């Protein structure tokens, strides 16, 4: 694991993480729960464009045709489909953590 304040947005290979059985199991559980309840996945990042949860969980949910909306600091809602993709800006050297 990188030490200190690492740039996980560019260090982690999220498509590889999404192939892991534990990720798929957790995502399927989240999807099952969402069919019964309205859910919120909390994060401390204010801007979803810089949030690893958006690039990992949010994009995986959208790939299952599930609407993802981010609640911003001011209480406004932002559709995940309109977020600028900072993950695909010229990345730092990626580090496979898994």
PDB file of N, CA and C in Angstrom:
ATOM      1  N   UNK A   1       0.844  -1.179   0.000  1.00  0.00           N
ATOM      2  CA  UNK A   1       0.000   0.000   0.000  1.00  0.00           C
ATOM      3  C   UNK A   1       0.888   1.240   0.000  1.00  0.00           C
ATOM      4  N   UNK A   2       0.495   2.242  -0.766  1.00  0.00           N
ATOM      5  CA  UNK A   2       1.235   3.505  -0.719  1.00  0.00           C
ATOM      6  C   UNK A   2       1.120   4.131   0.664  1.00  0.00           C
ATOM      7  N   UNK A   3       2.158   4.826   1.074  1.00  0.00           N
ATOM      8  CA  UNK A   3       2.148   5.476   2.382  1.00  0.00           C
ATOM      9  C   UNK A   3       1.776   6.932   2.245  1.00  0.00           C
ATOM     10  N   UNK A   4       1.290   7.500   3.324  1.00  0.00           N
ATOM     11  CA  UNK A   4       0.964   8.913   3.340  1.00  0.00           C
ATOM     12  C   UNK A   4      -0.269   9.237   2.526  1.00  0.00           C
ATOM     13  N   UNK A   5      -0.303  10.449   2.012  1.00  0.00           N
ATOM     14  CA  UNK A   5      -1.463  10.932   1.258  1.00  0.00           C
ATOM     15  C   UNK A   5      -1.298  10.516  -0.205  1.00  0.00           C
ATOM     16  N   UNK A   6      -1.722   9.319  -0.529  1.00  0.00           N
ATOM     17  CA  UNK A   6      -1.567   8.760  -1.876  1.00  0.00           C
ATOM     18  C   UNK A   6      -2.725   9.198  -2.772  1.00  0.00           C
ATOM     19  N   UNK A   7      -2.476   9.270  -4.054  1.00  0.00           N
ATOM     20  CA  UNK A   7      -3.483   9.603  -5.057  1.00  0.00           C
ATOM     21  C   UNK A   7      -4.127   8.309  -5.546  1.00  0.00           C
ATOM     22  N   UNK A   8      -5.048   7.766  -4.751  1.00  0.00           N
ATOM     23  CA  UNK A   8      -5.668   6.490  -5.075  1.00  0.00           C
ATOM     24  C   UNK A   8      -6.468   6.545  -6.371  1.00  0.00           C
ATOM     25  N   UNK A   9      -6.936   7.729  -6.729  1.00  0.00           N
ATOM     26  CA  UNK A   9      -7.690   7.863  -7.974  1.00  0.00           C
ATOM     27  C   UNK A   9      -6.865   7.401  -9.165  1.00  0.00           C
ATOM     28  N   UNK A  10      -5.559   7.658  -9.131  1.00  0.00           N
ATOM     29  CA  UNK A  10      -4.698   7.272 -10.242  1.00  0.00           C
ATOM     30  C   UNK A  10      -3.798   6.076  -9.926  1.00  0.00           C
ATOM     31  N   UNK A  11      -3.710   5.673  -8.681  1.00  0.00           N
ATOM     32  CA  UNK A  11      -2.838   4.555  -8.326  1.00  0.00           C
ATOM     33  C   UNK A  11      -3.520   3.200  -8.432  1.00  0.00           C
ATOM     34  N   UNK A  12      -4.820   3.175  -8.238  1.00  0.00           N
ATOM     35  CA  UNK A  12      -5.551   1.904  -8.207  1.00  0.00           C
ATOM     36  C   UNK A  12      -6.131   1.594  -9.583  1.00  0.00           C
ATOM     37  N   UNK A  13      -5.996   0.363 -10.000  1.00  0.00           N
ATOM     38  CA  UNK A  13      -6.576  -0.095 -11.273  1.00  0.00           C
ATOM     39  C   UNK A  13      -7.988  -0.605 -10.983  1.00  0.00           C
ATOM     40  N   UNK A  14      -8.967   0.303 -11.016  1.00  0.00           N
ATOM     41  CA  UNK A  14     -10.336  -0.037 -10.633  1.00  0.00           C
ATOM     42  C   UNK A  14     -10.952  -1.143 -11.482  1.00  0.00           C
ATOM     43  N   UNK A  15     -10.728  -1.191 -12.783  1.00  0.00           N
ATOM     44  CA  UNK A  15     -11.277  -2.315 -13.548  1.00  0.00           C
ATOM     45  C   UNK A  15     -10.795  -3.680 -13.036  1.00  0.00           C
ATOM     46  N   UNK A  16      -9.569  -3.750 -12.546  1.00  0.00           N
ATOM     47  CA  UNK A  16      -9.074  -5.009 -11.980  1.00  0.00           C
ATOM     48  C   UNK A  16      -9.789  -5.300 -10.664  1.00  0.00           C
ATOM     49  N   UNK A  17      -9.966  -4.287  -9.822  1.00  0.00           N
ATOM     50  CA  UNK A  17     -10.673  -4.483  -8.552  1.00  0.00           C
ATOM     51  C   UNK A  17     -12.084  -5.007  -8.815  1.00  0.00           C
ATOM     52  N   UNK A  18     -12.735  -4.478  -9.864  1.00  0.00           N
ATOM     53  CA  UNK A  18     -14.108  -4.881 -10.178  1.00  0.00           C
ATOM     54  C   UNK A  18     -14.220  -6.347 -10.595  1.00  0.00           C
ATOM     55  N   UNK A  19     -13.107  -6.978 -10.929  1.00  0.00           N
ATOM     56  CA  UNK A  19     -13.145  -8.394 -11.321  1.00  0.00           C
ATOM     57  C   UNK A  19     -13.011  -9.339 -10.121  1.00  0.00           C
ATOM     58  N   UNK A  20     -12.677  -8.812  -8.983  1.00  0.00           N
ATOM     59  CA  UNK A  20     -12.453  -9.651  -7.790  1.00  0.00           C
ATOM     60  C   UNK A  20     -13.780 -10.196  -7.261  1.00  0.00           C
ATOM     61  N   UNK A  21     -13.775 -11.438  -6.836  1.00  0.00           N
ATOM     62  CA  UNK A  21     -14.988 -12.073  -6.326  1.00  0.00           C
ATOM     63  C   UNK A  21     -15.586 -11.311  -5.147  1.00  0.00           C
ATOM     64  N   UNK A  22     -14.738 -10.840  -4.220  1.00  0.00           N
ATOM     65  CA  UNK A  22     -15.240 -10.122  -3.054  1.00  0.00           C
ATOM     66  C   UNK A  22     -15.927  -8.826  -3.458  1.00  0.00           C
ATOM     67  N   UNK A  23     -15.435  -8.163  -4.522  1.00  0.00           N
ATOM     68  CA  UNK A  23     -16.093  -6.937  -4.985  1.00  0.00           C
ATOM     69  C   UNK A  23     -17.445  -7.273  -5.604  1.00  0.00           C
ATOM     70  N   UNK A  24     -17.466  -8.297  -6.460  1.00  0.00           N
ATOM     71  CA  UNK A  24     -18.719  -8.698  -7.104  1.00  0.00           C
ATOM     72  C   UNK A  24     -19.762  -9.110  -6.070  1.00  0.00           C
ATOM     73  N   UNK A  25     -19.337  -9.841  -5.056  1.00  0.00           N
ATOM     74  CA  UNK A  25     -20.256 -10.279  -4.005  1.00  0.00           C
ATOM     75  C   UNK A  25     -20.835  -9.066  -3.268  1.00  0.00           C
ATOM     76  N   UNK A  26     -19.990  -8.136  -2.912  1.00  0.00           N
ATOM     77  CA  UNK A  26     -20.446  -6.929  -2.219  1.00  0.00           C
ATOM     78  C   UNK A  26     -21.367  -6.084  -3.085  1.00  0.00           C
ATOM     79  N   UNK A  27     -21.028  -5.957  -4.368  1.00  0.00           N
ATOM     80  CA  UNK A  27     -21.861  -5.183  -5.279  1.00  0.00           C
ATOM     81  C   UNK A  27     -23.229  -5.844  -5.445  1.00  0.00           C
ATOM     82  N   UNK A  28     -23.249  -7.150  -5.605  1.00  0.00           N
ATOM     83  CA  UNK A  28     -24.531  -7.853  -5.734  1.00  0.00           C
ATOM     84  C   UNK A  28     -25.383  -7.709  -4.479  1.00  0.00           C
ATOM     85  N   UNK A  29     -24.740  -7.730  -3.328  1.00  0.00           N
ATOM     86  CA  UNK A  29     -25.482  -7.527  -2.067  1.00  0.00           C
ATOM     87  C   UNK A  29     -26.075  -6.123  -2.032  1.00  0.00           C
ATOM     88  N   UNK A  30     -25.293  -5.139  -2.441  1.00  0.00           N
ATOM     89  CA  UNK A  30     -25.765  -3.757  -2.485  1.00  0.00           C
ATOM     90  C   UNK A  30     -26.949  -3.616  -3.449  1.00  0.00           C
ATOM     91  N   UNK A  31     -26.856  -4.244  -4.603  1.00  0.00           N
ATOM     92  CA  UNK A  31     -27.940  -4.203  -5.589  1.00  0.00           C
ATOM     93  C   UNK A  31     -29.190  -4.869  -5.032  1.00  0.00           C
ATOM     94  N   UNK A  32     -29.037  -6.017  -4.375  1.00  0.00           N
ATOM     95  CA  UNK A  32     -30.185  -6.700  -3.771  1.00  0.00           C
ATOM     96  C   UNK A  32     -30.878  -5.801  -2.743  1.00  0.00           C
ATOM     97  N   UNK A  33     -30.095  -5.157  -1.902  1.00  0.00           N
ATOM     98  CA  UNK A  33     -30.659  -4.259  -0.891  1.00  0.00           C
ATOM     99  C   UNK A  33     -31.382  -3.096  -1.572  1.00  0.00           C
ATOM    100  N   UNK A  34     -30.823  -2.588  -2.678  1.00  0.00           N
ATOM    101  CA  UNK A  34     -31.426  -1.433  -3.354  1.00  0.00           C
ATOM    102  C   UNK A  34     -32.783  -1.757  -3.964  1.00  0.00           C
ATOM    103  N   UNK A  35     -33.064  -3.029  -4.200  1.00  0.00           N
ATOM    104  CA  UNK A  35     -34.376  -3.411  -4.724  1.00  0.00           C
ATOM    105  C   UNK A  35     -35.452  -3.334  -3.644  1.00  0.00           C
ATOM    106  N   UNK A  36     -35.040  -3.334  -2.380  1.00  0.00           N
ATOM    107  CA  UNK A  36     -35.985  -3.312  -1.265  1.00  0.00           C
ATOM    108  C   UNK A  36     -36.024  -1.967  -0.554  1.00  0.00           C
ATOM    109  N   UNK A  37     -34.927  -1.222  -0.619  1.00  0.00           N
ATOM    110  CA  UNK A  37     -34.804   0.024   0.147  1.00  0.00           C
ATOM    111  C   UNK A  37     -34.070   1.072  -0.687  1.00  0.00           C
ATOM    112  N   UNK A  38     -34.330   2.329  -0.388  1.00  0.00           N
ATOM    113  CA  UNK A  38     -33.514   3.408  -0.943  1.00  0.00           C
ATOM    114  C   UNK A  38     -32.248   3.456  -0.107  1.00  0.00           C
ATOM    115  N   UNK A  39     -31.099   3.495  -0.732  1.00  0.00           N
ATOM    116  CA  UNK A  39     -29.846   3.423   0.015  1.00  0.00           C
ATOM    117  C   UNK A  39     -28.950   4.615  -0.302  1.00  0.00           C
ATOM    118  N   UNK A  40     -28.038   4.867   0.614  1.00  0.00           N
ATOM    119  CA  UNK A  40     -27.010   5.888   0.418  1.00  0.00           C
ATOM    120  C   UNK A  40     -25.673   5.281   0.821  1.00  0.00           C
ATOM    121  N   UNK A  41     -24.685   5.458  -0.028  1.00  0.00           N
ATOM    122  CA  UNK A  41     -23.325   5.027   0.282  1.00  0.00           C
ATOM    123  C   UNK A  41     -22.578   6.304   0.647  1.00  0.00           C
ATOM    124  N   UNK A  42     -22.122   6.380   1.850  1.00  0.00           N
ATOM    125  CA  UNK A  42     -21.519   7.623   2.338  1.00  0.00           C
ATOM    126  C   UNK A  42     -20.016   7.668   2.059  1.00  0.00           C
ATOM    127  N   UNK A  43     -19.528   8.876   1.859  1.00  0.00           N
ATOM    128  CA  UNK A  43     -18.116   9.116   1.580  1.00  0.00           C
ATOM    129  C   UNK A  43     -17.748  10.483   2.111  1.00  0.00           C
ATOM    130  N   UNK A  44     -16.496  10.687   2.424  1.00  0.00           N
ATOM    131  CA  UNK A  44     -16.059  11.991   2.931  1.00  0.00           C
ATOM    132  C   UNK A  44     -15.631  12.947   1.814  1.00  0.00           C
ATOM    133  N   UNK A  45     -15.523  12.464   0.589  1.00  0.00           N
ATOM    134  CA  UNK A  45     -15.142  13.322  -0.529  1.00  0.00           C
ATOM    135  C   UNK A  45     -16.330  14.182  -0.951  1.00  0.00           C
ATOM    136  N   UNK A  46     -16.155  15.488  -1.041  1.00  0.00           N
ATOM    137  CA  UNK A  46     -17.245  16.358  -1.457  1.00  0.00           C
ATOM    138  C   UNK A  46     -17.482  16.280  -2.956  1.00  0.00           C
ATOM    139  N   UNK A  47     -16.407  16.199  -3.711  1.00  0.00           N
ATOM    140  CA  UNK A  47     -16.509  16.203  -5.172  1.00  0.00           C
ATOM    141  C   UNK A  47     -16.416  14.773  -5.702  1.00  0.00           C
ATOM    142  N   UNK A  48     -17.509  14.254  -6.272  1.00  0.00           N
ATOM    143  CA  UNK A  48     -17.466  12.878  -6.761  1.00  0.00           C
ATOM    144  C   UNK A  48     -16.463  12.655  -7.889  1.00  0.00           C
ATOM    145  N   UNK A  49     -16.044  13.710  -8.579  1.00  0.00           N
ATOM    146  CA  UNK A  49     -15.049  13.564  -9.646  1.00  0.00           C
ATOM    147  C   UNK A  49     -13.684  13.157  -9.092  1.00  0.00           C
ATOM    148  N   UNK A  50     -13.487  13.355  -7.794  1.00  0.00           N
ATOM    149  CA  UNK A  50     -12.213  12.972  -7.174  1.00  0.00           C
ATOM    150  C   UNK A  50     -12.380  11.826  -6.182  1.00  0.00           C
ATOM    151  N   UNK A  51     -13.541  11.190  -6.190  1.00  0.00           N
ATOM    152  CA  UNK A  51     -13.863  10.163  -5.207  1.00  0.00           C
ATOM    153  C   UNK A  51     -13.697   8.764  -5.781  1.00  0.00           C
ATOM    154  N   UNK A  52     -12.911   7.937  -5.109  1.00  0.00           N
ATOM    155  CA  UNK A  52     -12.715   6.576  -5.600  1.00  0.00           C
ATOM    156  C   UNK A  52     -14.005   5.771  -5.575  1.00  0.00           C
ATOM    157  N   UNK A  53     -14.936   6.085  -4.681  1.00  0.00           N
ATOM    158  CA  UNK A  53     -16.199   5.348  -4.644  1.00  0.00           C
ATOM    159  C   UNK A  53     -17.015   5.576  -5.914  1.00  0.00           C
ATOM    160  N   UNK A  54     -16.942   6.786  -6.456  1.00  0.00           N
ATOM    161  CA  UNK A  54     -17.637   7.060  -7.723  1.00  0.00           C
ATOM    162  C   UNK A  54     -17.066   6.189  -8.837  1.00  0.00           C
ATOM    163  N   UNK A  55     -15.748   6.118  -8.906  1.00  0.00           N
ATOM    164  CA  UNK A  55     -15.097   5.374  -9.993  1.00  0.00           C
ATOM    165  C   UNK A  55     -15.172   3.864  -9.805  1.00  0.00           C
ATOM    166  N   UNK A  56     -15.362   3.417  -8.597  1.00  0.00           N
ATOM    167  CA  UNK A  56     -15.426   1.983  -8.341  1.00  0.00           C
ATOM    168  C   UNK A  56     -16.881   1.522  -8.190  1.00  0.00           C
ATOM    169  N   UNK A  57     -17.544   1.944  -7.138  1.00  0.00           N
ATOM    170  CA  UNK A  57     -18.904   1.476  -6.871  1.00  0.00           C
ATOM    171  C   UNK A  57     -19.915   2.158  -7.788  1.00  0.00           C
ATOM    172  N   UNK A  58     -19.804   3.472  -7.926  1.00  0.00           N
ATOM    173  CA  UNK A  58     -20.770   4.201  -8.756  1.00  0.00           C
ATOM    174  C   UNK A  58     -20.788   3.718 -10.192  1.00  0.00           C
ATOM    175  N   UNK A  59     -19.631   3.596 -10.788  1.00  0.00           N
ATOM    176  CA  UNK A  59     -19.575   3.138 -12.184  1.00  0.00           C
ATOM    177  C   UNK A  59     -20.036   1.684 -12.323  1.00  0.00           C
ATOM    178  N   UNK A  60     -19.731   0.849 -11.330  1.00  0.00           N
ATOM    179  CA  UNK A  60     -20.189  -0.540 -11.383  1.00  0.00           C
ATOM    180  C   UNK A  60     -21.714  -0.600 -11.292  1.00  0.00           C
ATOM    181  N   UNK A  61     -22.305   0.239 -10.442  1.00  0.00           N
ATOM    182  CA  UNK A  61     -23.763   0.282 -10.347  1.00  0.00           C
ATOM    183  C   UNK A  61     -24.384   0.786 -11.644  1.00  0.00           C
ATOM    184  N   UNK A  62     -23.782   1.814 -12.233  1.00  0.00           N
ATOM    185  CA  UNK A  62     -24.309   2.346 -13.495  1.00  0.00           C
ATOM    186  C   UNK A  62     -24.214   1.303 -14.608  1.00  0.00           C
ATOM    187  N   UNK A  63     -23.210   0.448 -14.559  1.00  0.00           N
ATOM    188  CA  UNK A  63     -23.086  -0.626 -15.551  1.00  0.00           C
ATOM    189  C   UNK A  63     -24.226  -1.626 -15.422  1.00  0.00           C
ATOM    190  N   UNK A  64     -24.897  -1.642 -14.258  1.00  0.00           N
ATOM    191  CA  UNK A  64     -26.076  -2.487 -14.027  1.00  0.00           C
ATOM    192  C   UNK A  64     -27.361  -1.680 -14.223  1.00  0.00           C
ATOM    193  N   UNK A  65     -27.265  -0.546 -14.910  1.00  0.00           N
ATOM    194  CA  UNK A  65     -28.414   0.332 -15.181  1.00  0.00           C
ATOM    195  C   UNK A  65     -29.093   0.834 -13.913  1.00  0.00           C
ATOM    196  N   UNK A  66     -28.307   1.095 -12.888  1.00  0.00           N
ATOM    197  CA  UNK A  66     -28.818   1.669 -11.652  1.00  0.00           C
ATOM    198  C   UNK A  66     -28.440   3.143 -11.624  1.00  0.00           C
ATOM    199  N   UNK A  67     -29.426   3.988 -11.380  1.00  0.00           N
ATOM    200  CA  UNK A  67     -29.184   5.432 -11.332  1.00  0.00           C
ATOM    201  C   UNK A  67     -28.371   5.773 -10.085  1.00  0.00           C
ATOM    202  N   UNK A  68     -27.314   6.549 -10.283  1.00  0.00           N
ATOM    203  CA  UNK A  68     -26.451   6.974  -9.182  1.00  0.00           C
ATOM    204  C   UNK A  68     -26.489   8.501  -9.126  1.00  0.00           C
ATOM    205  N   UNK A  69     -26.796   9.011  -7.941  1.00  0.00           N
ATOM    206  CA  UNK A  69     -26.871  10.452  -7.722  1.00  0.00           C
ATOM    207  C   UNK A  69     -25.993  10.797  -6.534  1.00  0.00           C
ATOM    208  N   UNK A  70     -25.203  11.851  -6.679  1.00  0.00           N
ATOM    209  CA  UNK A  70     -24.330  12.296  -5.594  1.00  0.00           C
ATOM    210  C   UNK A  70     -24.965  13.491  -4.896  1.00  0.00           C
ATOM    211  N   UNK A  71     -24.889  13.502  -3.573  1.00  0.00           N
ATOM    212  CA  UNK A  71     -25.366  14.632  -2.778  1.00  0.00           C
ATOM    213  C   UNK A  71     -24.163  15.519  -2.503  1.00  0.00           C
ATOM    214  N   UNK A  72     -24.222  16.753  -2.980  1.00  0.00           N
ATOM    215  CA  UNK A  72     -23.102  17.680  -2.812  1.00  0.00           C
ATOM    216  C   UNK A  72     -23.200  18.419  -1.477  1.00  0.00           C
ATOM    217  N   UNK A  73     -22.143  19.095  -1.113  1.00  0.00           N
ATOM    218  CA  UNK A  73     -22.035  19.793   0.171  1.00  0.00           C
ATOM    219  C   UNK A  73     -23.196  20.758   0.408  1.00  0.00           C
ATOM    220  N   UNK A  74     -23.635  21.424  -0.654  1.00  0.00           N
ATOM    221  CA  UNK A  74     -24.718  22.401  -0.522  1.00  0.00           C
ATOM    222  C   UNK A  74     -26.103  21.755  -0.540  1.00  0.00           C
ATOM    223  N   UNK A  75     -26.144  20.417  -0.603  1.00  0.00           N
ATOM    224  CA  UNK A  75     -27.415  19.702  -0.611  1.00  0.00           C
ATOM    225  C   UNK A  75     -27.963  19.441  -2.001  1.00  0.00           C
ATOM    226  N   UNK A  76     -27.319  19.980  -3.017  1.00  0.00           N
ATOM    227  CA  UNK A  76     -27.779  19.744  -4.384  1.00  0.00           C
ATOM    228  C   UNK A  76     -27.451  18.311  -4.806  1.00  0.00           C
ATOM    229  N   UNK A  77     -28.200  17.840  -5.795  1.00  0.00           N
ATOM    230  CA  UNK A  77     -27.989  16.492  -6.319  1.00  0.00           C
ATOM    231  C   UNK A  77     -27.301  16.566  -7.666  1.00  0.00           C
ATOM    232  N   UNK A  78     -26.362  15.665  -7.893  1.00  0.00           N
ATOM    233  CA  UNK A  78     -25.621  15.622  -9.156  1.00  0.00           C
ATOM    234  C   UNK A  78     -25.705  14.217  -9.728  1.00  0.00           C
ATOM    235  N   UNK A  79     -26.252  14.116 -10.918  1.00  0.00           N
ATOM    236  CA  UNK A  79     -26.337  12.827 -11.598  1.00  0.00           C
ATOM    237  C   UNK A  79     -24.926  12.366 -11.933  1.00  0.00           C
ATOM    238  N   UNK A  80     -24.618  11.131 -11.622  1.00  0.00           N
ATOM    239  CA  UNK A  80     -23.275  10.592 -11.847  1.00  0.00           C
ATOM    240  C   UNK A  80     -22.904  10.548 -13.324  1.00  0.00           C
ATOM    241  N   UNK A  81     -23.901  10.487 -14.200  1.00  0.00           N
ATOM    242  CA  UNK A  81     -23.610  10.430 -15.635  1.00  0.00           C
ATOM    243  C   UNK A  81     -22.938  11.704 -16.147  1.00  0.00           C
ATOM    244  N   UNK A  82     -23.115  12.826 -15.462  1.00  0.00           N
ATOM    245  CA  UNK A  82     -22.554  14.090 -15.924  1.00  0.00           C
ATOM    246  C   UNK A  82     -21.228  14.470 -15.305  1.00  0.00           C
ATOM    247  N   UNK A  83     -20.588  13.561 -14.599  1.00  0.00           N
ATOM    248  CA  UNK A  83     -19.334  13.889 -13.904  1.00  0.00           C
ATOM    249  C   UNK A  83     -18.146  13.753 -14.849  1.00  0.00           C
ATOM    250  N   UNK A  84     -17.317  14.770 -14.866  1.00  0.00           N
ATOM    251  CA  UNK A  84     -16.098  14.748 -15.670  1.00  0.00           C
ATOM    252  C   UNK A  84     -15.207  13.603 -15.204  1.00  0.00           C
ATOM    253  N   UNK A  85     -14.688  12.837 -16.124  1.00  0.00           N
ATOM    254  CA  UNK A  85     -13.918  11.630 -15.801  1.00  0.00           C
ATOM    255  C   UNK A  85     -12.453  11.959 -15.554  1.00  0.00           C
ATOM    256  N   UNK A  86     -12.132  12.309 -14.305  1.00  0.00           N
ATOM    257  CA  UNK A  86     -10.743  12.626 -13.954  1.00  0.00           C
ATOM    258  C   UNK A  86      -9.865  11.391 -13.941  1.00  0.00           C
ATOM    259  N   UNK A  87     -10.483  10.234 -13.775  1.00  0.00           N
ATOM    260  CA  UNK A  87      -9.720   8.980 -13.743  1.00  0.00           C
ATOM    261  C   UNK A  87      -8.980   8.766 -15.062  1.00  0.00           C
ATOM    262  N   UNK A  88      -9.558   9.217 -16.162  1.00  0.00           N
ATOM    263  CA  UNK A  88      -8.928   8.996 -17.465  1.00  0.00           C
ATOM    264  C   UNK A  88      -8.114  10.177 -17.951  1.00  0.00           C
ATOM    265  N   UNK A  89      -7.901  11.172 -17.080  1.00  0.00           N
ATOM    266  CA  UNK A  89      -6.924  12.203 -17.403  1.00  0.00           C
ATOM    267  C   UNK A  89      -5.559  11.523 -17.361  1.00  0.00           C
ATOM    268  N   UNK A  90      -4.539  12.135 -17.916  1.00  0.00           N
ATOM    269  CA  UNK A  90      -3.242  11.444 -17.904  1.00  0.00           C
ATOM    270  C   UNK A  90      -2.895  10.970 -16.494  1.00  0.00           C
ATOM    271  N   UNK A  91      -2.931   9.647 -16.266  1.00  0.00           N
ATOM    272  CA  UNK A  91      -2.728   9.122 -14.913  1.00  0.00           C
ATOM    273  C   UNK A  91      -1.260   9.024 -14.528  1.00  0.00           C
ATOM    274  N   UNK A  92      -1.070   8.994 -13.223  1.00  0.00           N
ATOM    275  CA  UNK A  92       0.242   8.649 -12.697  1.00  0.00           C
ATOM    276  C   UNK A  92       0.445   7.164 -12.976  1.00  0.00           C
ATOM    277  N   UNK A  93       1.631   6.684 -12.774  1.00  0.00           N
ATOM    278  CA  UNK A  93       1.884   5.251 -12.952  1.00  0.00           C
ATOM    279  C   UNK A  93       0.949   4.462 -12.048  1.00  0.00           C
ATOM    280  N   UNK A  94       0.189   3.528 -12.626  1.00  0.00           N
ATOM    281  CA  UNK A  94      -0.762   2.759 -11.838  1.00  0.00           C
ATOM    282  C   UNK A  94      -0.055   1.682 -11.045  1.00  0.00           C
ATOM    283  N   UNK A  95      -0.570   1.441  -9.870  1.00  0.00           N
ATOM    284  CA  UNK A  95      -0.033   0.426  -8.983  1.00  0.00           C
ATOM    285  C   UNK A  95      -1.128  -0.589  -8.727  1.00  0.00           C
ATOM    286  N   UNK A  96      -0.916  -1.818  -9.061  1.00  0.00           N
ATOM    287  CA  UNK A  96      -1.902  -2.866  -8.782  1.00  0.00           C
ATOM    288  C   UNK A  96      -1.784  -3.239  -7.315  1.00  0.00           C
ATOM    289  N   UNK A  97      -2.840  -2.952  -6.561  1.00  0.00           N
ATOM    290  CA  UNK A  97      -2.826  -3.223  -5.130  1.00  0.00           C
ATOM    291  C   UNK A  97      -3.344  -4.609  -4.823  1.00  0.00           C
ATOM    292  N   UNK A  98      -4.032  -5.228  -5.765  1.00  0.00           N
ATOM    293  CA  UNK A  98      -4.617  -6.547  -5.506  1.00  0.00           C
ATOM    294  C   UNK A  98      -4.095  -7.550  -6.496  1.00  0.00           C
TER     295      UNK A  98
END
